[in-house]
Amino acid sequence: MNLGPRWTPGWLTLAIAGAAGFLLGVVVLVLARGVVHDEVRTQTIRRTKTVLVQPRVPNVVGLTVDEAQSRLDAKGYASTVSGGGFFGPDGSDTVAEQDPAAGATVGGGATIHLRVG
């Protein structure tokens, strides 16, 4: 059974069909965009700056060993004591020297060496 000449689409027909499909897709996206809204989020970013401030060694020369150690403990320093009388340093002995010197910038937890005289 012969139905007649067979029709095949040309390049112009294919181009028109492609353009129509593209436009239909654009229309569907525009309509869907009007129905579905994206959620808007606002985020605030704050930049901070961390500054490390190291304490300065207090002046404890002239204080008793007990007073000097108390002040150094309050600033976060450890201390060692040397010198003193026959039996070694006593809490009532006076600090003659300190190392590191007063006003030096040393990190907390450092050991300050005290010499009594």
PDB file of N, CA and C in Angstrom:
ATOM      1  N   MET A   1       0.809  -1.150   0.000  1.00  0.00           N
ATOM      2  CA  MET A   1       0.000   0.000   0.000  1.00  0.00           C
ATOM      3  C   MET A   1       0.881   1.253   0.000  1.00  0.00           C
ATOM      4  N   ASN A   2       0.722   2.076  -0.947  1.00  0.00           N
ATOM      5  CA  ASN A   2       1.485   3.280  -1.141  1.00  0.00           C
ATOM      6  C   ASN A   2       0.617   4.476  -0.771  1.00  0.00           C
ATOM      7  N   LEU A   3       1.091   5.279   0.174  1.00  0.00           N
ATOM      8  CA  LEU A   3       0.310   6.408   0.638  1.00  0.00           C
ATOM      9  C   LEU A   3       0.716   7.715  -0.043  1.00  0.00           C
ATOM     10  N   GLY A   4       1.643   7.684  -0.841  1.00  0.00           N
ATOM     11  CA  GLY A   4       2.056   8.870  -1.555  1.00  0.00           C
ATOM     12  C   GLY A   4       3.484   9.226  -1.220  1.00  0.00           C
ATOM     13  N   PRO A   5       3.919  10.419  -1.668  1.00  0.00           N
ATOM     14  CA  PRO A   5       5.299  10.803  -1.392  1.00  0.00           C
ATOM     15  C   PRO A   5       5.533  10.993   0.126  1.00  0.00           C
ATOM     16  N   ARG A   6       6.673  10.582   0.545  1.00  0.00           N
ATOM     17  CA  ARG A   6       7.031  10.672   1.973  1.00  0.00           C
ATOM     18  C   ARG A   6       7.584  12.066   2.269  1.00  0.00           C
ATOM     19  N   TRP A   7       7.076  12.701   3.362  1.00  0.00           N
ATOM     20  CA  TRP A   7       7.484  14.058   3.711  1.00  0.00           C
ATOM     21  C   TRP A   7       8.605  13.988   4.734  1.00  0.00           C
ATOM     22  N   THR A   8       9.664  14.736   4.578  1.00  0.00           N
ATOM     23  CA  THR A   8      10.754  14.839   5.547  1.00  0.00           C
ATOM     24  C   THR A   8      10.968  16.315   5.853  1.00  0.00           C
ATOM     25  N   PRO A   9      11.150  16.648   7.140  1.00  0.00           N
ATOM     26  CA  PRO A   9      11.319  18.063   7.499  1.00  0.00           C
ATOM     27  C   PRO A   9      12.662  18.589   7.040  1.00  0.00           C
ATOM     28  N   GLY A  10      12.680  19.838   6.615  1.00  0.00           N
ATOM     29  CA  GLY A  10      13.912  20.490   6.188  1.00  0.00           C
ATOM     30  C   GLY A  10      14.545  21.244   7.363  1.00  0.00           C
ATOM     31  N   TRP A  11      15.626  21.886   7.072  1.00  0.00           N
ATOM     32  CA  TRP A  11      16.339  22.589   8.137  1.00  0.00           C
ATOM     33  C   TRP A  11      15.541  23.746   8.700  1.00  0.00           C
ATOM     34  N   LEU A  12      14.752  24.422   7.891  1.00  0.00           N
ATOM     35  CA  LEU A  12      13.935  25.546   8.344  1.00  0.00           C
ATOM     36  C   LEU A  12      12.847  25.072   9.294  1.00  0.00           C
ATOM     37  N   THR A  13      12.221  23.960   8.995  1.00  0.00           N
ATOM     38  CA  THR A  13      11.185  23.413   9.870  1.00  0.00           C
ATOM     39  C   THR A  13      11.784  23.012  11.216  1.00  0.00           C
ATOM     40  N   LEU A  14      12.944  22.380  11.177  1.00  0.00           N
ATOM     41  CA  LEU A  14      13.616  21.989  12.431  1.00  0.00           C
ATOM     42  C   LEU A  14      14.015  23.214  13.255  1.00  0.00           C
ATOM     43  N   ALA A  15      14.476  24.274  12.607  1.00  0.00           N
ATOM     44  CA  ALA A  15      14.866  25.494  13.321  1.00  0.00           C
ATOM     45  C   ALA A  15      13.664  26.156  13.969  1.00  0.00           C
ATOM     46  N   ILE A  16      12.543  26.203  13.257  1.00  0.00           N
ATOM     47  CA  ILE A  16      11.322  26.802  13.811  1.00  0.00           C
ATOM     48  C   ILE A  16      10.817  25.978  14.990  1.00  0.00           C
ATOM     49  N   ALA A  17      10.856  24.673  14.881  1.00  0.00           N
ATOM     50  CA  ALA A  17      10.410  23.803  15.972  1.00  0.00           C
ATOM     51  C   ALA A  17      11.318  23.948  17.193  1.00  0.00           C
ATOM     52  N   GLY A  18      12.628  24.050  16.971  1.00  0.00           N
ATOM     53  CA  GLY A  18      13.575  24.237  18.081  1.00  0.00           C
ATOM     54  C   GLY A  18      13.359  25.562  18.788  1.00  0.00           C
ATOM     55  N   ALA A  19      13.157  26.631  18.002  1.00  0.00           N
ATOM     56  CA  ALA A  19      12.927  27.955  18.585  1.00  0.00           C
ATOM     57  C   ALA A  19      11.629  27.974  19.380  1.00  0.00           C
ATOM     58  N   ALA A  20      10.606  27.315  18.865  1.00  0.00           N
ATOM     59  CA  ALA A  20       9.325  27.260  19.572  1.00  0.00           C
ATOM     60  C   ALA A  20       9.476  26.506  20.891  1.00  0.00           C
ATOM     61  N   GLY A  21      10.240  25.421  20.888  1.00  0.00           N
ATOM     62  CA  GLY A  21      10.477  24.667  22.119  1.00  0.00           C
ATOM     63  C   GLY A  21      11.254  25.484  23.142  1.00  0.00           C
ATOM     64  N   PHE A  22      12.244  26.237  22.653  1.00  0.00           N
ATOM     65  CA  PHE A  22      13.025  27.092  23.535  1.00  0.00           C
ATOM     66  C   PHE A  22      12.147  28.171  24.176  1.00  0.00           C
ATOM     67  N   LEU A  23      11.346  28.834  23.373  1.00  0.00           N
ATOM     68  CA  LEU A  23      10.460  29.884  23.894  1.00  0.00           C
ATOM     69  C   LEU A  23       9.452  29.321  24.883  1.00  0.00           C
ATOM     70  N   LEU A  24       8.937  28.123  24.607  1.00  0.00           N
ATOM     71  CA  LEU A  24       8.010  27.495  25.545  1.00  0.00           C
ATOM     72  C   LEU A  24       8.706  27.237  26.884  1.00  0.00           C
ATOM     73  N   GLY A  25       9.947  26.797  26.828  1.00  0.00           N
ATOM     74  CA  GLY A  25      10.710  26.574  28.063  1.00  0.00           C
ATOM     75  C   GLY A  25      10.930  27.858  28.836  1.00  0.00           C
ATOM     76  N   VAL A  26      11.236  28.950  28.140  1.00  0.00           N
ATOM     77  CA  VAL A  26      11.435  30.247  28.796  1.00  0.00           C
ATOM     78  C   VAL A  26      10.149  30.706  29.463  1.00  0.00           C
ATOM     79  N   VAL A  27       9.029  30.561  28.782  1.00  0.00           N
ATOM     80  CA  VAL A  27       7.738  30.967  29.350  1.00  0.00           C
ATOM     81  C   VAL A  27       7.442  30.159  30.602  1.00  0.00           C
ATOM     82  N   VAL A  28       7.689  28.860  30.560  1.00  0.00           N
ATOM     83  CA  VAL A  28       7.440  28.006  31.738  1.00  0.00           C
ATOM     84  C   VAL A  28       8.333  28.442  32.898  1.00  0.00           C
ATOM     85  N   LEU A  29       9.598  28.744  32.656  1.00  0.00           N
ATOM     86  CA  LEU A  29      10.503  29.185  33.723  1.00  0.00           C
ATOM     87  C   LEU A  29      10.081  30.524  34.316  1.00  0.00           C
ATOM     88  N   VAL A  30       9.664  31.443  33.465  1.00  0.00           N
ATOM     89  CA  VAL A  30       9.229  32.752  33.959  1.00  0.00           C
ATOM     90  C   VAL A  30       7.987  32.607  34.818  1.00  0.00           C
ATOM     91  N   LEU A  31       7.049  31.798  34.395  1.00  0.00           N
ATOM     92  CA  LEU A  31       5.838  31.578  35.195  1.00  0.00           C
ATOM     93  C   LEU A  31       6.165  30.873  36.505  1.00  0.00           C
ATOM     94  N   ALA A  32       7.042  29.876  36.446  1.00  0.00           N
ATOM     95  CA  ALA A  32       7.413  29.153  37.665  1.00  0.00           C
ATOM     96  C   ALA A  32       8.172  30.074  38.616  1.00  0.00           C
ATOM     97  N   ARG A  33       8.978  30.966  38.093  1.00  0.00           N
ATOM     98  CA  ARG A  33       9.735  31.899  38.937  1.00  0.00           C
ATOM     99  C   ARG A  33       8.792  32.845  39.672  1.00  0.00           C
ATOM    100  N   GLY A  34       7.706  33.178  39.047  1.00  0.00           N
ATOM    101  CA  GLY A  34       6.730  34.034  39.699  1.00  0.00           C
ATOM    102  C   GLY A  34       5.989  33.317  40.804  1.00  0.00           C
ATOM    103  N   VAL A  35       5.884  32.009  40.721  1.00  0.00           N
ATOM    104  CA  VAL A  35       5.156  31.236  41.725  1.00  0.00           C
ATOM    105  C   VAL A  35       6.078  30.813  42.863  1.00  0.00           C
ATOM    106  N   VAL A  36       7.283  30.384  42.531  1.00  0.00           N
ATOM    107  CA  VAL A  36       8.239  29.895  43.522  1.00  0.00           C
ATOM    108  C   VAL A  36       9.253  30.999  43.777  1.00  0.00           C
ATOM    109  N   HIS A  37       9.347  31.434  45.027  1.00  0.00           N
ATOM    110  CA  HIS A  37      10.289  32.487  45.391  1.00  0.00           C
ATOM    111  C   HIS A  37      11.471  31.879  46.124  1.00  0.00           C
ATOM    112  N   ASP A  38      12.648  32.386  45.824  1.00  0.00           N
ATOM    113  CA  ASP A  38      13.831  31.954  46.555  1.00  0.00           C
ATOM    114  C   ASP A  38      13.851  32.634  47.911  1.00  0.00           C
ATOM    115  N   GLU A  39      14.358  31.909  48.903  1.00  0.00           N
ATOM    116  CA  GLU A  39      14.473  32.472  50.246  1.00  0.00           C
ATOM    117  C   GLU A  39      15.698  33.384  50.278  1.00  0.00           C
ATOM    118  N   VAL A  40      15.528  34.579  50.793  1.00  0.00           N
ATOM    119  CA  VAL A  40      16.608  35.544  50.860  1.00  0.00           C
ATOM    120  C   VAL A  40      17.195  35.494  52.270  1.00  0.00           C
ATOM    121  N   ARG A  41      18.506  35.350  52.338  1.00  0.00           N
ATOM    122  CA  ARG A  41      19.187  35.302  53.632  1.00  0.00           C
ATOM    123  C   ARG A  41      20.204  36.425  53.694  1.00  0.00           C
ATOM    124  N   THR A  42      20.235  37.075  54.830  1.00  0.00           N
ATOM    125  CA  THR A  42      21.209  38.125  55.054  1.00  0.00           C
ATOM    126  C   THR A  42      22.156  37.645  56.139  1.00  0.00           C
ATOM    127  N   GLN A  43      23.432  37.740  55.879  1.00  0.00           N
ATOM    128  CA  GLN A  43      24.421  37.301  56.847  1.00  0.00           C
ATOM    129  C   GLN A  43      25.379  38.448  57.120  1.00  0.00           C
ATOM    130  N   THR A  44      25.535  38.770  58.388  1.00  0.00           N
ATOM    131  CA  THR A  44      26.435  39.840  58.780  1.00  0.00           C
ATOM    132  C   THR A  44      27.748  39.217  59.226  1.00  0.00           C
ATOM    133  N   ILE A  45      28.839  39.682  58.665  1.00  0.00           N
ATOM    134  CA  ILE A  45      30.159  39.168  59.017  1.00  0.00           C
ATOM    135  C   ILE A  45      30.893  40.264  59.774  1.00  0.00           C
ATOM    136  N   ARG A  46      31.356  39.904  60.939  1.00  0.00           N
ATOM    137  CA  ARG A  46      32.133  40.850  61.746  1.00  0.00           C
ATOM    138  C   ARG A  46      33.554  40.332  61.851  1.00  0.00           C
ATOM    139  N   ARG A  47      34.475  41.185  61.573  1.00  0.00           N
ATOM    140  CA  ARG A  47      35.879  40.808  61.691  1.00  0.00           C
ATOM    141  C   ARG A  47      36.400  41.336  63.012  1.00  0.00           C
ATOM    142  N   THR A  48      37.073  40.471  63.715  1.00  0.00           N
ATOM    143  CA  THR A  48      37.645  40.883  64.985  1.00  0.00           C
ATOM    144  C   THR A  48      39.156  40.755  64.903  1.00  0.00           C
ATOM    145  N   LYS A  49      39.804  41.461  65.757  1.00  0.00           N
ATOM    146  CA  LYS A  49      41.255  41.439  65.798  1.00  0.00           C
ATOM    147  C   LYS A  49      41.663  41.041  67.205  1.00  0.00           C
ATOM    148  N   THR A  50      42.464  40.013  67.300  1.00  0.00           N
ATOM    149  CA  THR A  50      42.935  39.550  68.597  1.00  0.00           C
ATOM    150  C   THR A  50      44.331  40.104  68.834  1.00  0.00           C
ATOM    151  N   VAL A  51      44.489  40.767  69.943  1.00  0.00           N
ATOM    152  CA  VAL A  51      45.777  41.337  70.304  1.00  0.00           C
ATOM    153  C   VAL A  51      46.204  40.684  71.613  1.00  0.00           C
ATOM    154  N   LEU A  52      47.368  40.071  71.579  1.00  0.00           N
ATOM    155  CA  LEU A  52      47.900  39.455  72.790  1.00  0.00           C
ATOM    156  C   LEU A  52      48.747  40.481  73.524  1.00  0.00           C
ATOM    157  N   VAL A  53      48.376  40.731  74.747  1.00  0.00           N
ATOM    158  CA  VAL A  53      49.129  41.668  75.563  1.00  0.00           C
ATOM    159  C   VAL A  53      49.822  40.872  76.656  1.00  0.00           C
ATOM    160  N   GLN A  54      51.135  40.886  76.603  1.00  0.00           N
ATOM    161  CA  GLN A  54      51.881  40.156  77.613  1.00  0.00           C
ATOM    162  C   GLN A  54      52.131  41.088  78.795  1.00  0.00           C
ATOM    163  N   PRO A  55      51.945  40.563  79.993  1.00  0.00           N
ATOM    164  CA  PRO A  55      52.139  41.412  81.167  1.00  0.00           C
ATOM    165  C   PRO A  55      53.610  41.777  81.358  1.00  0.00           C
ATOM    166  N   ARG A  56      53.809  42.877  82.031  1.00  0.00           N
ATOM    167  CA  ARG A  56      55.168  43.309  82.361  1.00  0.00           C
ATOM    168  C   ARG A  56      55.486  42.846  83.775  1.00  0.00           C
ATOM    169  N   VAL A  57      56.729  42.472  83.971  1.00  0.00           N
ATOM    170  CA  VAL A  57      57.179  41.977  85.273  1.00  0.00           C
ATOM    171  C   VAL A  57      57.146  43.132  86.270  1.00  0.00           C
ATOM    172  N   PRO A  58      56.459  42.925  87.412  1.00  0.00           N
ATOM    173  CA  PRO A  58      56.426  44.000  88.411  1.00  0.00           C
ATOM    174  C   PRO A  58      57.765  44.124  89.140  1.00  0.00           C
ATOM    175  N   ASN A  59      57.999  45.299  89.686  1.00  0.00           N
ATOM    176  CA  ASN A  59      59.217  45.532  90.472  1.00  0.00           C
ATOM    177  C   ASN A  59      58.995  45.016  91.887  1.00  0.00           C
ATOM    178  N   VAL A  60      59.779  44.008  92.274  1.00  0.00           N
ATOM    179  CA  VAL A  60      59.632  43.434  93.624  1.00  0.00           C
ATOM    180  C   VAL A  60      60.897  43.607  94.446  1.00  0.00           C
ATOM    181  N   VAL A  61      61.880  44.331  93.917  1.00  0.00           N
ATOM    182  CA  VAL A  61      63.118  44.590  94.664  1.00  0.00           C
ATOM    183  C   VAL A  61      62.785  45.472  95.863  1.00  0.00           C
ATOM    184  N   GLY A  62      63.282  45.081  97.026  1.00  0.00           N
ATOM    185  CA  GLY A  62      63.024  45.838  98.249  1.00  0.00           C
ATOM    186  C   GLY A  62      61.857  45.277  99.042  1.00  0.00           C
ATOM    187  N   LEU A  63      61.086  44.379  98.495  1.00  0.00           N
ATOM    188  CA  LEU A  63      59.978  43.750  99.217  1.00  0.00           C
ATOM    189  C   LEU A  63      60.468  42.485  99.913  1.00  0.00           C
ATOM    190  N   THR A  64      59.708  42.034 100.865  1.00  0.00           N
ATOM    191  CA  THR A  64      60.035  40.744 101.469  1.00  0.00           C
ATOM    192  C   THR A  64      59.733  39.639 100.458  1.00  0.00           C
ATOM    193  N   VAL A  65      60.330  38.482 100.683  1.00  0.00           N
ATOM    194  CA  VAL A  65      60.125  37.369  99.762  1.00  0.00           C
ATOM    195  C   VAL A  65      58.643  37.013  99.683  1.00  0.00           C
ATOM    196  N   ASP A  66      57.956  36.990 100.827  1.00  0.00           N
ATOM    197  CA  ASP A  66      56.525  36.666 100.827  1.00  0.00           C
ATOM    198  C   ASP A  66      55.716  37.670 100.010  1.00  0.00           C
ATOM    199  N   GLU A  67      55.992  38.975 100.185  1.00  0.00           N
ATOM    200  CA  GLU A  67      55.280  40.001  99.420  1.00  0.00           C
ATOM    201  C   GLU A  67      55.597  39.895  97.927  1.00  0.00           C
ATOM    202  N   ALA A  68      56.866  39.683  97.599  1.00  0.00           N
ATOM    203  CA  ALA A  68      57.288  39.588  96.201  1.00  0.00           C
ATOM    204  C   ALA A  68      56.612  38.398  95.516  1.00  0.00           C
ATOM    205  N   GLN A  69      56.615  37.248  96.178  1.00  0.00           N
ATOM    206  CA  GLN A  69      55.985  36.072  95.587  1.00  0.00           C
ATOM    207  C   GLN A  69      54.480  36.266  95.437  1.00  0.00           C
ATOM    208  N   SER A  70      53.875  36.952  96.374  1.00  0.00           N
ATOM    209  CA  SER A  70      52.442  37.225  96.299  1.00  0.00           C
ATOM    210  C   SER A  70      52.121  38.098  95.084  1.00  0.00           C
ATOM    211  N   ARG A  71      52.912  39.138  94.854  1.00  0.00           N
ATOM    212  CA  ARG A  71      52.697  40.015  93.698  1.00  0.00           C
ATOM    213  C   ARG A  71      52.936  39.280  92.374  1.00  0.00           C
ATOM    214  N   LEU A  72      53.985  38.461  92.353  1.00  0.00           N
ATOM    215  CA  LEU A  72      54.283  37.718  91.130  1.00  0.00           C
ATOM    216  C   LEU A  72      53.191  36.686  90.834  1.00  0.00           C
ATOM    217  N   ASP A  73      52.694  36.022  91.872  1.00  0.00           N
ATOM    218  CA  ASP A  73      51.595  35.061  91.694  1.00  0.00           C
ATOM    219  C   ASP A  73      50.356  35.759  91.132  1.00  0.00           C
ATOM    220  N   ALA A  74      50.077  36.965  91.620  1.00  0.00           N
ATOM    221  CA  ALA A  74      48.901  37.713  91.163  1.00  0.00           C
ATOM    222  C   ALA A  74      49.000  38.051  89.672  1.00  0.00           C
ATOM    223  N   LYS A  75      50.219  38.215  89.162  1.00  0.00           N
ATOM    224  CA  LYS A  75      50.430  38.519  87.742  1.00  0.00           C
ATOM    225  C   LYS A  75      50.568  37.251  86.887  1.00  0.00           C
ATOM    226  N   GLY A  76      50.563  36.079  87.546  1.00  0.00           N
ATOM    227  CA  GLY A  76      50.648  34.824  86.799  1.00  0.00           C
ATOM    228  C   GLY A  76      52.048  34.287  86.613  1.00  0.00           C
ATOM    229  N   TYR A  77      52.997  34.765  87.402  1.00  0.00           N
ATOM    230  CA  TYR A  77      54.382  34.305  87.293  1.00  0.00           C
ATOM    231  C   TYR A  77      54.711  33.332  88.421  1.00  0.00           C
ATOM    232  N   ALA A  78      55.629  32.427  88.123  1.00  0.00           N
ATOM    233  CA  ALA A  78      56.197  31.564  89.160  1.00  0.00           C
ATOM    234  C   ALA A  78      57.469  32.243  89.647  1.00  0.00           C
ATOM    235  N   SER A  79      57.997  31.809  90.776  1.00  0.00           N
ATOM    236  CA  SER A  79      59.212  32.438  91.272  1.00  0.00           C
ATOM    237  C   SER A  79      60.099  31.418  91.966  1.00  0.00           C
ATOM    238  N   THR A  80      61.407  31.676  91.895  1.00  0.00           N
ATOM    239  CA  THR A  80      62.400  30.905  92.646  1.00  0.00           C
ATOM    240  C   THR A  80      63.202  31.896  93.467  1.00  0.00           C
ATOM    241  N   VAL A  81      63.667  31.452  94.616  1.00  0.00           N
ATOM    242  CA  VAL A  81      64.406  32.331  95.525  1.00  0.00           C
ATOM    243  C   VAL A  81      65.753  31.692  95.820  1.00  0.00           C
ATOM    244  N   SER A  82      66.810  32.498  95.762  1.00  0.00           N
ATOM    245  CA  SER A  82      68.151  32.023  96.118  1.00  0.00           C
ATOM    246  C   SER A  82      68.824  33.048  97.006  1.00  0.00           C
ATOM    247  N   GLY A  83      69.854  32.612  97.668  1.00  0.00           N
ATOM    248  CA  GLY A  83      70.597  33.494  98.562  1.00  0.00           C
ATOM    249  C   GLY A  83      70.061  33.381  99.979  1.00  0.00           C
ATOM    250  N   GLY A  84      70.271  34.393 100.777  1.00  0.00           N
ATOM    251  CA  GLY A  84      69.763  34.388 102.136  1.00  0.00           C
ATOM    252  C   GLY A  84      70.827  33.982 103.130  1.00  0.00           C
ATOM    253  N   GLY A  85      70.389  33.692 104.326  1.00  0.00           N
ATOM    254  CA  GLY A  85      71.295  33.362 105.425  1.00  0.00           C
ATOM    255  C   GLY A  85      71.802  31.935 105.373  1.00  0.00           C
ATOM    256  N   PHE A  86      72.275  31.469 106.525  1.00  0.00           N
ATOM    257  CA  PHE A  86      72.873  30.150 106.654  1.00  0.00           C
ATOM    258  C   PHE A  86      71.888  29.046 106.279  1.00  0.00           C
ATOM    259  N   PHE A  87      70.641  29.196 106.611  1.00  0.00           N
ATOM    260  CA  PHE A  87      69.628  28.175 106.340  1.00  0.00           C
ATOM    261  C   PHE A  87      68.870  28.420 105.023  1.00  0.00           C
ATOM    262  N   GLY A  88      69.317  29.372 104.245  1.00  0.00           N
ATOM    263  CA  GLY A  88      68.644  29.664 102.978  1.00  0.00           C
ATOM    264  C   GLY A  88      67.681  30.828 103.122  1.00  0.00           C
ATOM    265  N   PRO A  89      66.972  31.145 102.051  1.00  0.00           N
ATOM    266  CA  PRO A  89      66.078  32.302 102.092  1.00  0.00           C
ATOM    267  C   PRO A  89      64.882  32.064 103.016  1.00  0.00           C
ATOM    268  N   ASP A  90      64.479  33.120 103.659  1.00  0.00           N
ATOM    269  CA  ASP A  90      63.330  33.095 104.560  1.00  0.00           C
ATOM    270  C   ASP A  90      62.273  34.036 103.985  1.00  0.00           C
ATOM    271  N   GLY A  91      61.017  33.846 104.349  1.00  0.00           N
ATOM    272  CA  GLY A  91      59.934  34.675 103.844  1.00  0.00           C
ATOM    273  C   GLY A  91      60.071  36.128 104.228  1.00  0.00           C
ATOM    274  N   SER A  92      60.826  36.428 105.287  1.00  0.00           N
ATOM    275  CA  SER A  92      60.979  37.819 105.722  1.00  0.00           C
ATOM    276  C   SER A  92      62.226  38.466 105.147  1.00  0.00           C
ATOM    277  N   ASP A  93      63.039  37.713 104.382  1.00  0.00           N
ATOM    278  CA  ASP A  93      64.219  38.295 103.738  1.00  0.00           C
ATOM    279  C   ASP A  93      63.776  39.296 102.668  1.00  0.00           C
ATOM    280  N   THR A  94      64.642  40.246 102.370  1.00  0.00           N
ATOM    281  CA  THR A  94      64.340  41.284 101.389  1.00  0.00           C
ATOM    282  C   THR A  94      64.948  40.914 100.034  1.00  0.00           C
ATOM    283  N   VAL A  95      64.170  41.137  98.985  1.00  0.00           N
ATOM    284  CA  VAL A  95      64.637  40.844  97.629  1.00  0.00           C
ATOM    285  C   VAL A  95      65.637  41.914  97.224  1.00  0.00           C
ATOM    286  N   ALA A  96      66.852  41.476  96.797  1.00  0.00           N
ATOM    287  CA  ALA A  96      67.901  42.404  96.381  1.00  0.00           C
ATOM    288  C   ALA A  96      67.936  42.542  94.858  1.00  0.00           C
ATOM    289  N   GLU A  97      67.671  41.446  94.133  1.00  0.00           N
ATOM    290  CA  GLU A  97      67.702  41.469  92.673  1.00  0.00           C
ATOM    291  C   GLU A  97      66.610  40.565  92.122  1.00  0.00           C
ATOM    292  N   GLN A  98      66.216  40.851  90.896  1.00  0.00           N
ATOM    293  CA  GLN A  98      65.251  39.983  90.212  1.00  0.00           C
ATOM    294  C   GLN A  98      65.669  39.818  88.773  1.00  0.00           C
ATOM    295  N   ASP A  99      65.380  38.651  88.212  1.00  0.00           N
ATOM    296  CA  ASP A  99      65.712  38.364  86.816  1.00  0.00           C
ATOM    297  C   ASP A  99      64.548  37.613  86.200  1.00  0.00           C
ATOM    298  N   PRO A 100      63.921  38.104  85.163  1.00  0.00           N
ATOM    299  CA  PRO A 100      64.168  39.322  84.409  1.00  0.00           C
ATOM    300  C   PRO A 100      63.828  40.579  85.225  1.00  0.00           C
ATOM    301  N   ALA A 101      64.381  41.685  84.778  1.00  0.00           N
ATOM    302  CA  ALA A 101      64.234  42.955  85.482  1.00  0.00           C
ATOM    303  C   ALA A 101      62.789  43.450  85.446  1.00  0.00           C
ATOM    304  N   ALA A 102      62.491  44.382  86.335  1.00  0.00           N
ATOM    305  CA  ALA A 102      61.155  44.987  86.388  1.00  0.00           C
ATOM    306  C   ALA A 102      60.842  45.685  85.071  1.00  0.00           C
ATOM    307  N   GLY A 103      59.602  45.520  84.590  1.00  0.00           N
ATOM    308  CA  GLY A 103      59.166  46.155  83.352  1.00  0.00           C
ATOM    309  C   GLY A 103      59.407  45.319  82.110  1.00  0.00           C
ATOM    310  N   ALA A 104      60.120  44.198  82.240  1.00  0.00           N
ATOM    311  CA  ALA A 104      60.361  43.337  81.074  1.00  0.00           C
ATOM    312  C   ALA A 104      59.050  42.681  80.648  1.00  0.00           C
ATOM    313  N   THR A 105      58.904  42.474  79.356  1.00  0.00           N
ATOM    314  CA  THR A 105      57.708  41.817  78.834  1.00  0.00           C
ATOM    315  C   THR A 105      58.005  40.328  78.718  1.00  0.00           C
ATOM    316  N   VAL A 106      57.367  39.562  79.591  1.00  0.00           N
ATOM    317  CA  VAL A 106      57.582  38.120  79.629  1.00  0.00           C
ATOM    318  C   VAL A 106      56.205  37.470  79.695  1.00  0.00           C
ATOM    319  N   GLY A 107      56.028  36.398  78.930  1.00  0.00           N
ATOM    320  CA  GLY A 107      54.735  35.700  78.922  1.00  0.00           C
ATOM    321  C   GLY A 107      54.350  35.185  80.284  1.00  0.00           C
ATOM    322  N   GLY A 108      53.033  35.134  80.501  1.00  0.00           N
ATOM    323  CA  GLY A 108      52.511  34.614  81.768  1.00  0.00           C
ATOM    324  C   GLY A 108      52.966  33.184  81.989  1.00  0.00           C
ATOM    325  N   GLY A 109      53.196  32.824  83.243  1.00  0.00           N
ATOM    326  CA  GLY A 109      53.636  31.478  83.574  1.00  0.00           C
ATOM    327  C   GLY A 109      55.153  31.360  83.623  1.00  0.00           C
ATOM    328  N   ALA A 110      55.873  32.402  83.211  1.00  0.00           N
ATOM    329  CA  ALA A 110      57.336  32.366  83.250  1.00  0.00           C
ATOM    330  C   ALA A 110      57.810  32.390  84.692  1.00  0.00           C
ATOM    331  N   THR A 111      59.050  31.991  84.897  1.00  0.00           N
ATOM    332  CA  THR A 111      59.628  31.976  86.243  1.00  0.00           C
ATOM    333  C   THR A 111      60.521  33.187  86.434  1.00  0.00           C
ATOM    334  N   ILE A 112      60.290  33.905  87.507  1.00  0.00           N
ATOM    335  CA  ILE A 112      61.093  35.067  87.874  1.00  0.00           C
ATOM    336  C   ILE A 112      62.030  34.621  88.985  1.00  0.00           C
ATOM    337  N   HIS A 113      63.319  34.843  88.789  1.00  0.00           N
ATOM    338  CA  HIS A 113      64.327  34.433  89.773  1.00  0.00           C
ATOM    339  C   HIS A 113      64.600  35.602  90.725  1.00  0.00           C
ATOM    340  N   LEU A 114      64.443  35.359  92.008  1.00  0.00           N
ATOM    341  CA  LEU A 114      64.661  36.374  93.027  1.00  0.00           C
ATOM    342  C   LEU A 114      65.919  36.011  93.817  1.00  0.00           C
ATOM    343  N   ARG A 115      66.755  37.028  94.109  1.00  0.00           N
ATOM    344  CA  ARG A 115      67.929  36.819  94.965  1.00  0.00           C
ATOM    345  C   ARG A 115      67.790  37.711  96.162  1.00  0.00           C
ATOM    346  N   VAL A 116      67.919  37.111  97.328  1.00  0.00           N
ATOM    347  CA  VAL A 116      67.830  37.885  98.568  1.00  0.00           C
ATOM    348  C   VAL A 116      69.232  38.146  99.075  1.00  0.00           C
ATOM    349  N   GLY A 117      69.377  39.220  99.842  1.00  0.00           N
ATOM    350  CA  GLY A 117      70.715  39.558 100.299  1.00  0.00           C
ATOM    351  C   GLY A 117      70.738  39.989 101.728  1.00  0.00           C
TER     352      GLY A 117
END
